[in-house]
Amino acid sequence: MLKVAVFLADGFEELEAVTVVDILRRGEVNVLTVSIMPDLKVVGSHGMEFTADKMFDANALKDFDMVVLPGGLGGMNNLKAHEGVNAIFKEFASGDKYVCAICAAPTVLGCAGILRGRTAVCYPGFEKYLEGATIGSGNVVTDGKIITSKGPGTAIEFAFELLTVIKGKEVADQVKAGMLLK
Protein backbone atom coordinates (compact mmCIF):
# COMPACT_ATOMS: atom_id res chain seq x y z
CA MET A 1 0.00 0.00 0.00
CA LEU A 2 1.22 3.48 -0.84
CA LYS A 3 2.44 5.53 2.10
CA VAL A 4 2.66 9.30 2.32
CA ALA A 5 4.20 11.37 5.12
CA VAL A 6 3.05 14.95 5.65
CA PHE A 7 5.60 16.74 7.83
CA LEU A 8 4.19 19.10 10.45
CA ALA A 9 6.30 21.79 12.09
CA ASP A 10 5.20 24.63 14.32
CA GLY A 11 4.06 27.46 12.08
CA PHE A 12 2.83 25.23 9.22
CA GLU A 13 -0.03 26.45 7.03
CA GLU A 14 -3.03 24.50 8.30
CA LEU A 15 -5.08 24.65 5.11
CA GLU A 16 -2.28 23.17 3.03
CA ALA A 17 -1.61 20.25 5.37
CA VAL A 18 -5.22 19.36 6.15
CA THR A 19 -6.30 19.58 2.50
CA VAL A 20 -3.57 17.18 1.40
CA VAL A 21 -4.30 14.70 4.20
CA ASP A 22 -8.07 14.86 3.62
CA ILE A 23 -8.00 14.39 -0.16
CA LEU A 24 -5.38 11.64 -0.11
CA ARG A 25 -7.29 9.74 2.60
CA ARG A 26 -10.50 10.08 0.57
CA GLY A 27 -8.52 8.39 -2.22
CA GLU A 28 -7.62 5.58 0.19
CA VAL A 29 -3.97 6.51 0.46
CA ASN A 30 -2.21 5.67 3.73
CA VAL A 31 -1.25 9.15 4.96
CA LEU A 32 0.51 9.84 8.23
CA THR A 33 1.17 13.24 9.71
CA VAL A 34 4.68 13.38 11.13
CA SER A 35 5.73 15.87 13.78
CA ILE A 36 9.26 17.17 13.41
CA MET A 37 8.89 19.00 16.73
CA PRO A 38 9.84 17.53 20.16
CA ASP A 39 6.19 16.52 20.74
CA LEU A 40 3.26 15.11 18.77
CA LYS A 41 1.42 18.38 19.35
CA VAL A 42 2.10 20.90 16.60
CA VAL A 43 0.70 24.43 16.33
CA GLY A 44 -0.13 25.85 12.91
CA SER A 45 0.49 29.38 11.70
CA HIS A 46 -3.03 30.44 12.70
CA GLY A 47 -2.89 28.99 16.19
CA MET A 48 -4.69 25.71 15.50
CA GLU A 49 -3.28 22.80 17.49
CA PHE A 50 -2.88 19.39 15.86
CA THR A 51 -1.74 16.05 17.17
CA ALA A 52 0.43 14.32 14.61
CA ASP A 53 0.11 10.59 13.96
CA LYS A 54 3.77 9.94 14.72
CA MET A 55 7.09 11.50 15.60
CA PHE A 56 9.79 11.95 12.99
CA ASP A 57 11.93 8.83 12.61
CA ALA A 58 14.09 8.73 9.48
CA ASN A 59 14.37 4.93 9.51
CA ALA A 60 10.58 4.48 9.68
CA LEU A 61 10.13 6.75 6.65
CA LYS A 62 12.36 4.79 4.29
CA ASP A 63 9.48 2.63 3.05
CA PHE A 64 7.25 5.64 2.28
CA ASP A 65 6.50 6.64 -1.31
CA MET A 66 6.01 10.38 -0.90
CA VAL A 67 6.85 13.18 1.51
CA VAL A 68 4.87 16.41 1.60
CA LEU A 69 6.05 19.71 3.06
CA PRO A 70 3.26 22.20 3.83
CA GLY A 71 4.18 25.86 3.79
CA GLY A 72 3.74 28.63 6.28
CA LEU A 73 6.70 30.85 7.07
CA GLY A 74 7.33 29.45 10.55
CA GLY A 75 6.81 25.89 9.37
CA MET A 76 9.17 26.42 6.45
CA ASN A 77 11.87 27.76 8.76
CA ASN A 78 11.46 24.78 11.11
CA LEU A 79 11.59 22.33 8.20
CA LYS A 80 14.69 24.01 6.77
CA ALA A 81 16.45 23.79 10.16
CA HIS A 82 15.69 20.09 10.69
CA GLU A 83 18.64 17.98 9.49
CA GLY A 84 16.65 14.75 9.45
CA VAL A 85 13.93 16.20 7.25
CA ASN A 86 16.53 17.57 4.84
CA ALA A 87 18.25 14.18 4.66
CA ILE A 88 14.95 12.38 3.97
CA PHE A 89 13.82 14.59 1.13
CA LYS A 90 17.31 14.51 -0.43
CA GLU A 91 17.21 10.70 -0.20
CA PHE A 92 13.70 10.61 -1.68
CA ALA A 93 14.63 12.97 -4.53
CA SER A 94 17.70 10.91 -5.45
CA GLY A 95 15.87 7.60 -4.93
CA ASP A 96 13.02 8.16 -7.37
CA LYS A 97 10.37 8.89 -4.73
CA TYR A 98 8.01 11.85 -4.61
CA VAL A 99 9.01 15.07 -2.87
CA CYS A 100 6.20 17.61 -2.72
CA ALA A 101 6.08 21.12 -1.29
CA ILE A 102 3.63 24.01 -1.29
CA CYS A 103 3.71 27.74 -0.54
CA ALA A 104 6.98 28.72 1.20
CA ALA A 105 8.12 25.08 1.57
CA PRO A 106 9.58 24.74 -1.96
CA THR A 107 12.27 27.14 -0.75
CA VAL A 108 13.46 24.36 1.58
CA LEU A 109 14.01 22.20 -1.50
CA GLY A 110 15.64 25.10 -3.35
CA CYS A 111 18.07 25.87 -0.55
CA ALA A 112 19.04 22.20 -0.45
CA GLY A 113 19.85 22.18 -4.17
CA ILE A 114 17.09 19.73 -5.08
CA LEU A 115 15.45 22.09 -7.58
CA ARG A 116 18.53 22.72 -9.74
CA GLY A 117 17.58 22.11 -13.36
CA ARG A 118 13.91 21.63 -12.44
CA THR A 119 10.79 23.70 -12.94
CA ALA A 120 9.04 24.72 -9.72
CA VAL A 121 6.72 27.28 -8.14
CA CYS A 122 6.27 28.72 -4.66
CA TYR A 123 4.49 31.50 -2.83
CA PRO A 124 5.02 34.74 -4.79
CA GLY A 125 8.08 36.62 -3.58
CA PHE A 126 10.02 33.51 -2.53
CA GLU A 127 11.22 32.57 -6.03
CA LYS A 128 14.76 33.79 -5.34
CA TYR A 129 15.14 30.86 -2.92
CA LEU A 130 14.38 28.24 -5.58
CA GLU A 131 18.09 27.99 -6.36
CA GLY A 132 18.79 26.78 -9.88
CA ALA A 133 15.11 26.24 -10.75
CA THR A 134 13.16 27.55 -13.68
CA ILE A 135 10.10 29.29 -12.28
CA GLY A 136 6.93 27.70 -13.63
CA SER A 137 3.72 29.50 -14.51
CA GLY A 138 1.02 27.16 -13.20
CA ASN A 139 -0.46 26.89 -9.72
CA VAL A 140 0.96 23.38 -9.45
CA VAL A 141 4.07 22.18 -11.26
CA THR A 142 5.16 18.57 -11.61
CA ASP A 143 8.72 17.99 -12.77
CA GLY A 144 9.47 14.29 -12.59
CA LYS A 145 8.77 13.31 -9.00
CA ILE A 146 9.10 16.84 -7.63
CA ILE A 147 5.72 18.55 -7.21
CA THR A 148 5.40 22.15 -6.06
CA SER A 149 2.53 24.57 -5.63
CA LYS A 150 2.00 28.26 -4.89
CA GLY A 151 0.00 28.50 -1.68
CA PRO A 152 -3.19 28.08 0.35
CA GLY A 153 -5.48 28.94 -2.55
CA THR A 154 -3.92 26.18 -4.63
CA ALA A 155 -4.06 23.49 -1.92
CA ILE A 156 -6.97 21.55 -3.44
CA GLU A 157 -5.35 21.55 -6.89
CA PHE A 158 -2.04 20.48 -5.31
CA ALA A 159 -3.66 17.65 -3.32
CA PHE A 160 -5.44 16.32 -6.41
CA GLU A 161 -2.18 16.36 -8.37
CA LEU A 162 -0.60 14.25 -5.60
CA LEU A 163 -3.55 11.85 -5.67
CA THR A 164 -3.42 11.63 -9.47
CA VAL A 165 0.27 10.78 -9.62
CA ILE A 166 0.07 8.06 -6.97
CA LYS A 167 -3.39 6.57 -7.55
CA GLY A 168 -4.34 7.63 -11.08
CA LYS A 169 -6.77 10.01 -12.75
CA GLU A 170 -9.77 7.71 -12.31
CA VAL A 171 -9.43 7.67 -8.51
CA ALA A 172 -8.82 11.43 -8.43
CA ASP A 173 -11.91 12.02 -10.59
CA GLN A 174 -14.02 9.82 -8.29
CA VAL A 175 -12.89 11.77 -5.23
CA LYS A 176 -13.56 15.07 -7.01
CA ALA A 177 -17.07 13.94 -7.92
CA GLY A 178 -17.72 12.92 -4.32
CA MET A 179 -16.60 16.38 -3.19
CA LEU A 180 -18.78 18.06 -5.85
CA LEU A 181 -15.72 19.42 -7.66
CA LYS A 182 -15.51 19.66 -11.43
C-alpha atoms as a PDB file:
ATOM      1  CA  MET A   1       0.000   0.000   0.000  1.00  0.00           C
ATOM      2  CA  LEU A   2       1.217   3.484  -0.843  1.00  0.00           C
ATOM      3  CA  LYS A   3       2.438   5.529   2.104  1.00  0.00           C
ATOM      4  CA  VAL A   4       2.658   9.295   2.323  1.00  0.00           C
ATOM      5  CA  ALA A   5       4.201  11.366   5.121  1.00  0.00           C
ATOM      6  CA  VAL A   6       3.048  14.947   5.655  1.00  0.00           C
ATOM      7  CA  PHE A   7       5.599  16.739   7.831  1.00  0.00           C
ATOM      8  CA  LEU A   8       4.186  19.099  10.447  1.00  0.00           C
ATOM      9  CA  ALA A   9       6.305  21.793  12.086  1.00  0.00           C
ATOM     10  CA  ASP A  10       5.200  24.627  14.320  1.00  0.00           C
ATOM     11  CA  GLY A  11       4.060  27.464  12.081  1.00  0.00           C
ATOM     12  CA  PHE A  12       2.827  25.233   9.224  1.00  0.00           C
ATOM     13  CA  GLU A  13      -0.030  26.455   7.031  1.00  0.00           C
ATOM     14  CA  GLU A  14      -3.026  24.497   8.304  1.00  0.00           C
ATOM     15  CA  LEU A  15      -5.084  24.648   5.113  1.00  0.00           C
ATOM     16  CA  GLU A  16      -2.277  23.171   3.033  1.00  0.00           C
ATOM     17  CA  ALA A  17      -1.613  20.247   5.374  1.00  0.00           C
ATOM     18  CA  VAL A  18      -5.222  19.365   6.148  1.00  0.00           C
ATOM     19  CA  THR A  19      -6.304  19.583   2.498  1.00  0.00           C
ATOM     20  CA  VAL A  20      -3.570  17.178   1.398  1.00  0.00           C
ATOM     21  CA  VAL A  21      -4.303  14.703   4.201  1.00  0.00           C
ATOM     22  CA  ASP A  22      -8.066  14.856   3.617  1.00  0.00           C
ATOM     23  CA  ILE A  23      -8.000  14.395  -0.161  1.00  0.00           C
ATOM     24  CA  LEU A  24      -5.378  11.642  -0.109  1.00  0.00           C
ATOM     25  CA  ARG A  25      -7.292   9.736   2.595  1.00  0.00           C
ATOM     26  CA  ARG A  26     -10.504  10.077   0.567  1.00  0.00           C
ATOM     27  CA  GLY A  27      -8.523   8.393  -2.222  1.00  0.00           C
ATOM     28  CA  GLU A  28      -7.621   5.577   0.189  1.00  0.00           C
ATOM     29  CA  VAL A  29      -3.968   6.515   0.464  1.00  0.00           C
ATOM     30  CA  ASN A  30      -2.211   5.668   3.731  1.00  0.00           C
ATOM     31  CA  VAL A  31      -1.251   9.153   4.955  1.00  0.00           C
ATOM     32  CA  LEU A  32       0.512   9.839   8.227  1.00  0.00           C
ATOM     33  CA  THR A  33       1.170  13.238   9.707  1.00  0.00           C
ATOM     34  CA  VAL A  34       4.675  13.377  11.130  1.00  0.00           C
ATOM     35  CA  SER A  35       5.730  15.871  13.784  1.00  0.00           C
ATOM     36  CA  ILE A  36       9.263  17.170  13.415  1.00  0.00           C
ATOM     37  CA  MET A  37       8.890  18.996  16.732  1.00  0.00           C
ATOM     38  CA  PRO A  38       9.840  17.526  20.155  1.00  0.00           C
ATOM     39  CA  ASP A  39       6.195  16.521  20.737  1.00  0.00           C
ATOM     40  CA  LEU A  40       3.263  15.106  18.769  1.00  0.00           C
ATOM     41  CA  LYS A  41       1.423  18.384  19.352  1.00  0.00           C
ATOM     42  CA  VAL A  42       2.098  20.899  16.596  1.00  0.00           C
ATOM     43  CA  VAL A  43       0.699  24.427  16.331  1.00  0.00           C
ATOM     44  CA  GLY A  44      -0.125  25.846  12.915  1.00  0.00           C
ATOM     45  CA  SER A  45       0.486  29.379  11.699  1.00  0.00           C
ATOM     46  CA  HIS A  46      -3.035  30.441  12.696  1.00  0.00           C
ATOM     47  CA  GLY A  47      -2.888  28.985  16.193  1.00  0.00           C
ATOM     48  CA  MET A  48      -4.685  25.709  15.497  1.00  0.00           C
ATOM     49  CA  GLU A  49      -3.281  22.798  17.490  1.00  0.00           C
ATOM     50  CA  PHE A  50      -2.879  19.395  15.860  1.00  0.00           C
ATOM     51  CA  THR A  51      -1.736  16.049  17.175  1.00  0.00           C
ATOM     52  CA  ALA A  52       0.426  14.323  14.607  1.00  0.00           C
ATOM     53  CA  ASP A  53       0.109  10.593  13.962  1.00  0.00           C
ATOM     54  CA  LYS A  54       3.768   9.940  14.721  1.00  0.00           C
ATOM     55  CA  MET A  55       7.088  11.495  15.596  1.00  0.00           C
ATOM     56  CA  PHE A  56       9.792  11.954  12.989  1.00  0.00           C
ATOM     57  CA  ASP A  57      11.927   8.826  12.607  1.00  0.00           C
ATOM     58  CA  ALA A  58      14.085   8.730   9.483  1.00  0.00           C
ATOM     59  CA  ASN A  59      14.367   4.932   9.511  1.00  0.00           C
ATOM     60  CA  ALA A  60      10.585   4.482   9.676  1.00  0.00           C
ATOM     61  CA  LEU A  61      10.132   6.749   6.651  1.00  0.00           C
ATOM     62  CA  LYS A  62      12.365   4.793   4.292  1.00  0.00           C
ATOM     63  CA  ASP A  63       9.478   2.635   3.048  1.00  0.00           C
ATOM     64  CA  PHE A  64       7.248   5.644   2.283  1.00  0.00           C
ATOM     65  CA  ASP A  65       6.504   6.636  -1.314  1.00  0.00           C
ATOM     66  CA  MET A  66       6.007  10.382  -0.895  1.00  0.00           C
ATOM     67  CA  VAL A  67       6.849  13.177   1.510  1.00  0.00           C
ATOM     68  CA  VAL A  68       4.869  16.413   1.604  1.00  0.00           C
ATOM     69  CA  LEU A  69       6.049  19.714   3.056  1.00  0.00           C
ATOM     70  CA  PRO A  70       3.257  22.196   3.832  1.00  0.00           C
ATOM     71  CA  GLY A  71       4.180  25.859   3.786  1.00  0.00           C
ATOM     72  CA  GLY A  72       3.739  28.632   6.281  1.00  0.00           C
ATOM     73  CA  LEU A  73       6.696  30.850   7.071  1.00  0.00           C
ATOM     74  CA  GLY A  74       7.326  29.453  10.548  1.00  0.00           C
ATOM     75  CA  GLY A  75       6.806  25.893   9.366  1.00  0.00           C
ATOM     76  CA  MET A  76       9.165  26.420   6.453  1.00  0.00           C
ATOM     77  CA  ASN A  77      11.866  27.759   8.761  1.00  0.00           C
ATOM     78  CA  ASN A  78      11.460  24.782  11.111  1.00  0.00           C
ATOM     79  CA  LEU A  79      11.588  22.334   8.195  1.00  0.00           C
ATOM     80  CA  LYS A  80      14.689  24.012   6.773  1.00  0.00           C
ATOM     81  CA  ALA A  81      16.449  23.794  10.155  1.00  0.00           C
ATOM     82  CA  HIS A  82      15.691  20.086  10.692  1.00  0.00           C
ATOM     83  CA  GLU A  83      18.644  17.982   9.486  1.00  0.00           C
ATOM     84  CA  GLY A  84      16.650  14.747   9.446  1.00  0.00           C
ATOM     85  CA  VAL A  85      13.929  16.195   7.246  1.00  0.00           C
ATOM     86  CA  ASN A  86      16.529  17.570   4.841  1.00  0.00           C
ATOM     87  CA  ALA A  87      18.250  14.176   4.664  1.00  0.00           C
ATOM     88  CA  ILE A  88      14.953  12.381   3.966  1.00  0.00           C
ATOM     89  CA  PHE A  89      13.818  14.588   1.133  1.00  0.00           C
ATOM     90  CA  LYS A  90      17.308  14.508  -0.430  1.00  0.00           C
ATOM     91  CA  GLU A  91      17.213  10.704  -0.199  1.00  0.00           C
ATOM     92  CA  PHE A  92      13.703  10.607  -1.685  1.00  0.00           C
ATOM     93  CA  ALA A  93      14.633  12.965  -4.531  1.00  0.00           C
ATOM     94  CA  SER A  94      17.697  10.908  -5.448  1.00  0.00           C
ATOM     95  CA  GLY A  95      15.866   7.602  -4.927  1.00  0.00           C
ATOM     96  CA  ASP A  96      13.016   8.159  -7.368  1.00  0.00           C
ATOM     97  CA  LYS A  97      10.372   8.885  -4.731  1.00  0.00           C
ATOM     98  CA  TYR A  98       8.013  11.850  -4.615  1.00  0.00           C
ATOM     99  CA  VAL A  99       9.009  15.067  -2.866  1.00  0.00           C
ATOM    100  CA  CYS A 100       6.198  17.608  -2.720  1.00  0.00           C
ATOM    101  CA  ALA A 101       6.077  21.119  -1.287  1.00  0.00           C
ATOM    102  CA  ILE A 102       3.631  24.007  -1.294  1.00  0.00           C
ATOM    103  CA  CYS A 103       3.714  27.744  -0.535  1.00  0.00           C
ATOM    104  CA  ALA A 104       6.976  28.720   1.201  1.00  0.00           C
ATOM    105  CA  ALA A 105       8.118  25.084   1.575  1.00  0.00           C
ATOM    106  CA  PRO A 106       9.577  24.736  -1.961  1.00  0.00           C
ATOM    107  CA  THR A 107      12.268  27.141  -0.745  1.00  0.00           C
ATOM    108  CA  VAL A 108      13.460  24.356   1.583  1.00  0.00           C
ATOM    109  CA  LEU A 109      14.014  22.201  -1.504  1.00  0.00           C
ATOM    110  CA  GLY A 110      15.636  25.100  -3.355  1.00  0.00           C
ATOM    111  CA  CYS A 111      18.070  25.875  -0.555  1.00  0.00           C
ATOM    112  CA  ALA A 112      19.045  22.197  -0.451  1.00  0.00           C
ATOM    113  CA  GLY A 113      19.850  22.176  -4.172  1.00  0.00           C
ATOM    114  CA  ILE A 114      17.087  19.728  -5.080  1.00  0.00           C
ATOM    115  CA  LEU A 115      15.447  22.091  -7.581  1.00  0.00           C
ATOM    116  CA  ARG A 116      18.526  22.723  -9.744  1.00  0.00           C
ATOM    117  CA  GLY A 117      17.582  22.108 -13.357  1.00  0.00           C
ATOM    118  CA  ARG A 118      13.910  21.626 -12.438  1.00  0.00           C
ATOM    119  CA  THR A 119      10.787  23.703 -12.936  1.00  0.00           C
ATOM    120  CA  ALA A 120       9.042  24.725  -9.724  1.00  0.00           C
ATOM    121  CA  VAL A 121       6.722  27.281  -8.145  1.00  0.00           C
ATOM    122  CA  CYS A 122       6.271  28.724  -4.664  1.00  0.00           C
ATOM    123  CA  TYR A 123       4.493  31.500  -2.829  1.00  0.00           C
ATOM    124  CA  PRO A 124       5.019  34.738  -4.793  1.00  0.00           C
ATOM    125  CA  GLY A 125       8.075  36.624  -3.579  1.00  0.00           C
ATOM    126  CA  PHE A 126      10.019  33.506  -2.532  1.00  0.00           C
ATOM    127  CA  GLU A 127      11.216  32.569  -6.026  1.00  0.00           C
ATOM    128  CA  LYS A 128      14.755  33.787  -5.340  1.00  0.00           C
ATOM    129  CA  TYR A 129      15.142  30.856  -2.918  1.00  0.00           C
ATOM    130  CA  LEU A 130      14.378  28.242  -5.585  1.00  0.00           C
ATOM    131  CA  GLU A 131      18.087  27.994  -6.360  1.00  0.00           C
ATOM    132  CA  GLY A 132      18.794  26.776  -9.879  1.00  0.00           C
ATOM    133  CA  ALA A 133      15.114  26.241 -10.754  1.00  0.00           C
ATOM    134  CA  THR A 134      13.161  27.552 -13.679  1.00  0.00           C
ATOM    135  CA  ILE A 135      10.098  29.292 -12.279  1.00  0.00           C
ATOM    136  CA  GLY A 136       6.926  27.701 -13.630  1.00  0.00           C
ATOM    137  CA  SER A 137       3.721  29.500 -14.512  1.00  0.00           C
ATOM    138  CA  GLY A 138       1.021  27.157 -13.195  1.00  0.00           C
ATOM    139  CA  ASN A 139      -0.460  26.889  -9.724  1.00  0.00           C
ATOM    140  CA  VAL A 140       0.965  23.382  -9.448  1.00  0.00           C
ATOM    141  CA  VAL A 141       4.068  22.176 -11.265  1.00  0.00           C
ATOM    142  CA  THR A 142       5.164  18.569 -11.606  1.00  0.00           C
ATOM    143  CA  ASP A 143       8.720  17.992 -12.774  1.00  0.00           C
ATOM    144  CA  GLY A 144       9.471  14.289 -12.587  1.00  0.00           C
ATOM    145  CA  LYS A 145       8.770  13.312  -8.999  1.00  0.00           C
ATOM    146  CA  ILE A 146       9.102  16.838  -7.630  1.00  0.00           C
ATOM    147  CA  ILE A 147       5.720  18.548  -7.209  1.00  0.00           C
ATOM    148  CA  THR A 148       5.400  22.155  -6.056  1.00  0.00           C
ATOM    149  CA  SER A 149       2.531  24.570  -5.629  1.00  0.00           C
ATOM    150  CA  LYS A 150       1.999  28.265  -4.892  1.00  0.00           C
ATOM    151  CA  GLY A 151       0.003  28.500  -1.676  1.00  0.00           C
ATOM    152  CA  PRO A 152      -3.185  28.083   0.352  1.00  0.00           C
ATOM    153  CA  GLY A 153      -5.484  28.944  -2.545  1.00  0.00           C
ATOM    154  CA  THR A 154      -3.920  26.178  -4.628  1.00  0.00           C
ATOM    155  CA  ALA A 155      -4.056  23.492  -1.920  1.00  0.00           C
ATOM    156  CA  ILE A 156      -6.966  21.546  -3.443  1.00  0.00           C
ATOM    157  CA  GLU A 157      -5.351  21.550  -6.891  1.00  0.00           C
ATOM    158  CA  PHE A 158      -2.041  20.478  -5.312  1.00  0.00           C
ATOM    159  CA  ALA A 159      -3.659  17.650  -3.325  1.00  0.00           C
ATOM    160  CA  PHE A 160      -5.442  16.322  -6.410  1.00  0.00           C
ATOM    161  CA  GLU A 161      -2.179  16.357  -8.373  1.00  0.00           C
ATOM    162  CA  LEU A 162      -0.603  14.251  -5.604  1.00  0.00           C
ATOM    163  CA  LEU A 163      -3.555  11.849  -5.669  1.00  0.00           C
ATOM    164  CA  THR A 164      -3.424  11.632  -9.468  1.00  0.00           C
ATOM    165  CA  VAL A 165       0.273  10.778  -9.615  1.00  0.00           C
ATOM    166  CA  ILE A 166       0.074   8.061  -6.971  1.00  0.00           C
ATOM    167  CA  LYS A 167      -3.394   6.571  -7.552  1.00  0.00           C
ATOM    168  CA  GLY A 168      -4.339   7.633 -11.082  1.00  0.00           C
ATOM    169  CA  LYS A 169      -6.766  10.007 -12.747  1.00  0.00           C
ATOM    170  CA  GLU A 170      -9.766   7.714 -12.307  1.00  0.00           C
ATOM    171  CA  VAL A 171      -9.428   7.674  -8.508  1.00  0.00           C
ATOM    172  CA  ALA A 172      -8.819  11.435  -8.425  1.00  0.00           C
ATOM    173  CA  ASP A 173     -11.911  12.024 -10.588  1.00  0.00           C
ATOM    174  CA  GLN A 174     -14.020   9.819  -8.287  1.00  0.00           C
ATOM    175  CA  VAL A 175     -12.886  11.767  -5.226  1.00  0.00           C
ATOM    176  CA  LYS A 176     -13.556  15.071  -7.008  1.00  0.00           C
ATOM    177  CA  ALA A 177     -17.071  13.938  -7.924  1.00  0.00           C
ATOM    178  CA  GLY A 178     -17.718  12.916  -4.317  1.00  0.00           C
ATOM    179  CA  MET A 179     -16.604  16.379  -3.190  1.00  0.00           C
ATOM    180  CA  LEU A 180     -18.785  18.060  -5.850  1.00  0.00           C
ATOM    181  CA  LEU A 181     -15.721  19.425  -7.658  1.00  0.00           C
ATOM    182  CA  LYS A 182     -15.509  19.663 -11.434  1.00  0.00           C
END
